[in-house]
Amino acid sequence: MSKIIKTIGKGIGKGIGGAAYVTLTTVGAAISAIWETTGDRGMMRDMFKDSSDQELIELYEKHKDDDGDYDIYVATKSLLEERKYTYNNETNKWEK
């Protein structure tokens, strides 16, 4: 595992004196972002992209709990964030 990080770090670090290393968190986030836009979640995003903001918020609210569909939850959250919405945890509402 450390060999992978060192190899990636060497490639990225060349331009800045070799000081930068890519962490597993960064690699994991990149893989997660790719998965969100491809596969089943990518199809979900395509299916919901023409939905209104209010429809996305309603779908998000319906599926955010443990008994909801996680892929719909992730797709609607991603689309709302793409539309410059942020979720306010204090009020439990989406704000633009």
C-alpha atoms as a PDB file:
ATOM      1  CA  MET A   1       0.000   0.000   0.000  1.00  0.00           C
ATOM      2  CA  SER A   2       2.761   2.458   0.856  1.00  0.00           C
ATOM      3  CA  LYS A   3       4.429   1.676  -2.481  1.00  0.00           C
ATOM      4  CA  ILE A   4       1.297   2.855  -4.280  1.00  0.00           C
ATOM      5  CA  ILE A   5       1.215   6.107  -2.315  1.00  0.00           C
ATOM      6  CA  LYS A   6       4.950   6.686  -2.897  1.00  0.00           C
ATOM      7  CA  THR A   7       4.584   6.055  -6.631  1.00  0.00           C
ATOM      8  CA  ILE A   8       1.659   8.454  -6.919  1.00  0.00           C
ATOM      9  CA  GLY A   9       3.455  10.965  -4.684  1.00  0.00           C
ATOM     10  CA  LYS A  10       6.581  10.878  -6.837  1.00  0.00           C
ATOM     11  CA  GLY A  11       4.566  11.653  -9.951  1.00  0.00           C
ATOM     12  CA  ILE A  12       2.729  14.536  -8.341  1.00  0.00           C
ATOM     13  CA  GLY A  13       5.666  15.793  -6.292  1.00  0.00           C
ATOM     14  CA  LYS A  14       8.004  16.380  -9.234  1.00  0.00           C
ATOM     15  CA  GLY A  15       6.694  19.883  -9.830  1.00  0.00           C
ATOM     16  CA  ILE A  16       6.847  20.989  -6.201  1.00  0.00           C
ATOM     17  CA  GLY A  17      10.040  19.445  -4.982  1.00  0.00           C
ATOM     18  CA  GLY A  18       8.625  16.052  -4.127  1.00  0.00           C
ATOM     19  CA  ALA A  19       6.894  17.334  -0.993  1.00  0.00           C
ATOM     20  CA  ALA A  20       3.328  16.400  -1.955  1.00  0.00           C
ATOM     21  CA  TYR A  21       1.888  12.950  -1.479  1.00  0.00           C
ATOM     22  CA  VAL A  22      -1.584  11.814  -2.365  1.00  0.00           C
ATOM     23  CA  THR A  23      -3.318  10.293   0.626  1.00  0.00           C
ATOM     24  CA  LEU A  24      -5.657   7.346   0.476  1.00  0.00           C
ATOM     25  CA  THR A  25      -8.468   9.734   1.358  1.00  0.00           C
ATOM     26  CA  THR A  26      -7.777  11.765  -1.776  1.00  0.00           C
ATOM     27  CA  VAL A  27      -7.614   8.653  -3.931  1.00  0.00           C
ATOM     28  CA  GLY A  28     -10.809   7.353  -2.312  1.00  0.00           C
ATOM     29  CA  ALA A  29     -12.590  10.657  -2.937  1.00  0.00           C
ATOM     30  CA  ALA A  30     -11.572  10.550  -6.605  1.00  0.00           C
ATOM     31  CA  ILE A  31     -12.863   7.002  -6.973  1.00  0.00           C
ATOM     32  CA  SER A  32     -16.086   7.959  -5.214  1.00  0.00           C
ATOM     33  CA  ALA A  33     -16.581  10.946  -7.536  1.00  0.00           C
ATOM     34  CA  ILE A  34     -16.103   8.719 -10.570  1.00  0.00           C
ATOM     35  CA  TRP A  35     -18.595   6.188  -9.179  1.00  0.00           C
ATOM     36  CA  GLU A  36     -21.179   8.920  -8.545  1.00  0.00           C
ATOM     37  CA  THR A  37     -21.140   9.919 -12.200  1.00  0.00           C
ATOM     38  CA  THR A  38     -20.996   6.427 -13.700  1.00  0.00           C
ATOM     39  CA  GLY A  39     -22.772   3.150 -13.088  1.00  0.00           C
ATOM     40  CA  ASP A  40     -26.082   3.060 -11.243  1.00  0.00           C
ATOM     41  CA  ARG A  41     -25.617   6.464  -9.619  1.00  0.00           C
ATOM     42  CA  GLY A  42     -24.773   7.995 -12.976  1.00  0.00           C
ATOM     43  CA  MET A  43     -28.047   6.631 -14.342  1.00  0.00           C
ATOM     44  CA  MET A  44     -29.862   8.048 -11.306  1.00  0.00           C
ATOM     45  CA  ARG A  45     -28.294  11.467 -11.895  1.00  0.00           C
ATOM     46  CA  ASP A  46     -29.315  11.367 -15.556  1.00  0.00           C
ATOM     47  CA  MET A  47     -32.829  10.368 -14.577  1.00  0.00           C
ATOM     48  CA  PHE A  48     -33.187  13.235 -12.070  1.00  0.00           C
ATOM     49  CA  LYS A  49     -31.223  15.992 -13.838  1.00  0.00           C
ATOM     50  CA  ASP A  50     -34.369  17.498 -15.400  1.00  0.00           C
ATOM     51  CA  SER A  51     -36.211  17.533 -12.072  1.00  0.00           C
ATOM     52  CA  SER A  52     -36.944  20.841 -10.401  1.00  0.00           C
ATOM     53  CA  ASP A  53     -35.021  21.877  -7.310  1.00  0.00           C
ATOM     54  CA  GLN A  54     -38.117  21.309  -5.190  1.00  0.00           C
ATOM     55  CA  GLU A  55     -38.564  17.779  -6.569  1.00  0.00           C
ATOM     56  CA  LEU A  56     -34.931  16.970  -5.785  1.00  0.00           C
ATOM     57  CA  ILE A  57     -35.301  18.318  -2.247  1.00  0.00           C
ATOM     58  CA  GLU A  58     -38.425  16.194  -1.700  1.00  0.00           C
ATOM     59  CA  LEU A  59     -36.677  13.071  -3.026  1.00  0.00           C
ATOM     60  CA  TYR A  60     -33.650  13.783  -0.831  1.00  0.00           C
ATOM     61  CA  GLU A  61     -35.837  14.171   2.265  1.00  0.00           C
ATOM     62  CA  LYS A  62     -37.708  10.959   1.484  1.00  0.00           C
ATOM     63  CA  HIS A  63     -34.550   8.876   1.009  1.00  0.00           C
ATOM     64  CA  LYS A  64     -32.077  10.372   3.513  1.00  0.00           C
ATOM     65  CA  ASP A  65     -33.099   8.075   6.365  1.00  0.00           C
ATOM     66  CA  ASP A  66     -31.905   4.511   6.822  1.00  0.00           C
ATOM     67  CA  ASP A  67     -35.021   3.047   5.210  1.00  0.00           C
ATOM     68  CA  GLY A  68     -34.596   5.101   2.019  1.00  0.00           C
ATOM     69  CA  ASP A  69     -32.783   4.258  -1.212  1.00  0.00           C
ATOM     70  CA  TYR A  70     -29.133   5.265  -0.751  1.00  0.00           C
ATOM     71  CA  ASP A  71     -28.437   5.701  -4.481  1.00  0.00           C
ATOM     72  CA  ILE A  72     -31.357   8.124  -4.855  1.00  0.00           C
ATOM     73  CA  TYR A  73     -30.154   9.970  -1.731  1.00  0.00           C
ATOM     74  CA  VAL A  74     -26.616  10.344  -3.136  1.00  0.00           C
ATOM     75  CA  ALA A  75     -27.806  11.321  -6.633  1.00  0.00           C
ATOM     76  CA  THR A  76     -30.208  14.000  -5.381  1.00  0.00           C
ATOM     77  CA  LYS A  77     -27.657  15.363  -2.907  1.00  0.00           C
ATOM     78  CA  SER A  78     -25.029  15.566  -5.642  1.00  0.00           C
ATOM     79  CA  LEU A  79     -27.384  17.333  -8.057  1.00  0.00           C
ATOM     80  CA  LEU A  80     -28.485  19.839  -5.421  1.00  0.00           C
ATOM     81  CA  GLU A  81     -24.870  20.622  -4.546  1.00  0.00           C
ATOM     82  CA  GLU A  82     -24.108  20.995  -8.251  1.00  0.00           C
ATOM     83  CA  ARG A  83     -26.924  23.559  -8.395  1.00  0.00           C
ATOM     84  CA  LYS A  84     -25.158  25.533  -5.624  1.00  0.00           C
ATOM     85  CA  TYR A  85     -27.363  24.390  -2.747  1.00  0.00           C
ATOM     86  CA  THR A  86     -25.927  23.691   0.684  1.00  0.00           C
ATOM     87  CA  TYR A  87     -27.554  21.672   3.432  1.00  0.00           C
ATOM     88  CA  ASN A  88     -27.951  23.548   6.721  1.00  0.00           C
ATOM     89  CA  ASN A  89     -27.676  20.957   9.496  1.00  0.00           C
ATOM     90  CA  GLU A  90     -29.059  23.354  12.087  1.00  0.00           C
ATOM     91  CA  THR A  91     -32.335  23.936  10.240  1.00  0.00           C
ATOM     92  CA  ASN A  92     -32.312  20.640   8.300  1.00  0.00           C
ATOM     93  CA  LYS A  93     -33.061  22.509   5.086  1.00  0.00           C
ATOM     94  CA  TRP A  94     -31.403  23.092   1.730  1.00  0.00           C
ATOM     95  CA  GLU A  95     -30.367  26.697   1.120  1.00  0.00           C
ATOM     96  CA  LYS A  96     -29.181  28.475  -1.981  1.00  0.00           C
END
